[in-house]
Protein backbone atom coordinates (compact mmCIF):
# COMPACT_ATOMS: atom_id res chain seq x y z
CA ASP A 1 149.16 157.42 105.44
CA ALA A 2 150.24 155.81 102.16
CA ASP A 3 147.82 155.78 99.21
CA GLU A 4 147.35 152.08 98.48
CA SER A 5 144.16 152.43 96.47
CA GLY A 6 145.64 150.54 93.53
CA PRO A 7 144.84 146.90 92.71
CA GLU A 8 145.32 144.27 95.39
CA ILE A 9 145.55 140.49 95.42
CA VAL A 10 144.38 138.54 98.46
CA TYR A 11 145.85 135.18 99.52
CA GLN A 12 144.16 133.01 102.17
CA LEU A 13 146.21 131.04 104.69
CA ASP A 14 144.71 128.56 107.18
CA LEU A 15 147.01 127.54 110.04
CA ALA A 16 146.55 124.62 112.42
CA HIS A 17 149.40 125.68 114.72
CA GLU A 18 151.11 128.86 115.86
CA THR A 19 153.61 129.72 113.15
CA ARG A 20 156.25 132.41 112.76
CA LEU A 21 156.32 133.58 109.15
CA SER A 22 158.52 135.81 107.10
CA ILE A 23 156.56 137.34 104.22
CA ALA A 24 158.44 139.32 101.60
CA VAL A 25 157.53 140.92 98.32
CA ILE A 26 160.05 141.44 95.57
CA ASP A 27 158.81 143.91 93.00
CA PRO A 28 161.24 144.49 90.14
CA GLY A 29 160.99 147.45 87.81
CA ASN A 30 158.59 150.29 88.56
CA SER A 31 156.03 148.38 90.62
CA ASP A 32 155.57 149.12 94.34
CA ILE A 33 153.62 146.44 96.17
CA ASP A 34 153.13 146.53 99.96
CA ILE A 35 152.10 143.66 102.24
CA HIS A 36 149.24 143.58 104.72
CA LEU A 37 148.52 140.71 107.12
CA LEU A 38 144.88 140.42 108.21
CA ARG A 39 143.24 138.16 110.78
CA ASP A 40 139.94 136.27 110.18
CA ARG A 41 138.68 138.23 107.16
CA PRO A 42 140.04 140.53 104.46
CA ALA A 43 138.87 143.85 105.93
CA ALA A 44 140.95 146.92 106.82
CA ASP A 45 139.89 146.82 110.47
CA HIS A 46 141.39 143.31 110.76
CA CYS A 47 144.91 144.35 109.76
CA GLU A 48 147.46 143.04 112.25
CA VAL A 49 150.60 144.37 110.57
CA ARG A 50 151.76 145.88 107.29
CA GLY A 51 155.11 146.29 105.64
CA HIS A 52 156.62 147.94 102.63
CA ARG A 53 158.83 145.01 101.64
CA GLN A 54 158.76 142.45 104.47
CA ILE A 55 156.83 141.28 107.52
CA GLU A 56 157.96 138.87 110.23
CA HIS A 57 155.14 137.93 112.56
CA THR A 58 153.96 135.06 114.75
CA LEU A 59 150.50 133.96 113.65
CA ASP A 60 148.05 132.15 115.92
CA PRO A 61 146.12 129.18 114.54
CA GLY A 62 143.20 130.18 112.34
CA ARG A 63 142.44 131.97 109.10
CA TRP A 64 144.75 134.71 107.85
CA PHE A 65 144.89 136.82 104.72
CA ILE A 66 147.99 138.16 103.04
CA VAL A 67 147.23 141.15 100.84
CA ALA A 68 149.61 142.37 98.14
CA ASP A 69 148.49 145.98 97.70
CA THR A 70 149.55 148.50 95.07
CA TYR A 71 150.93 151.89 96.07
CA VAL A 72 149.72 155.01 94.21
CA ASN A 73 152.29 157.82 93.93
CA ASP A 74 151.71 161.55 94.50
CA SER A 75 150.74 162.12 90.86
CA GLY A 76 148.02 159.45 91.12
CA THR A 77 149.85 156.78 89.12
CA GLU A 78 149.34 153.20 90.28
CA GLN A 79 152.66 151.44 90.78
CA SER A 80 151.23 148.03 89.80
CA GLY A 81 153.19 145.34 88.01
CA ASP A 82 154.91 142.02 88.43
CA TYR A 83 156.04 140.88 91.86
CA LEU A 84 157.19 137.76 93.67
CA LEU A 85 155.64 136.88 97.02
CA VAL A 86 157.91 134.76 99.24
CA ILE A 87 156.57 133.13 102.42
CA THR A 88 158.80 131.11 104.74
CA ASP A 89 158.28 129.71 108.23
CA ARG A 90 160.85 130.53 110.87
């Protein structure tokens, strides 16, 4: 339901083994970046899970995409800006 039509950056992750990851985005200031985790290819119909600030998910071996996507507020203003993406295995 959220308008995330602002700019996005896509990161590719290739895993050889099942891995539990914690993915977090820290967006200081006025930016608002959400996280999407996609399986096999960067397409909306391949989204496994999304989160506003953090995702914890067990990923099967294979190709995954982490998308940092910009939220657009009710007045149509993109909330883009600096952010820090933190990925750790659990």
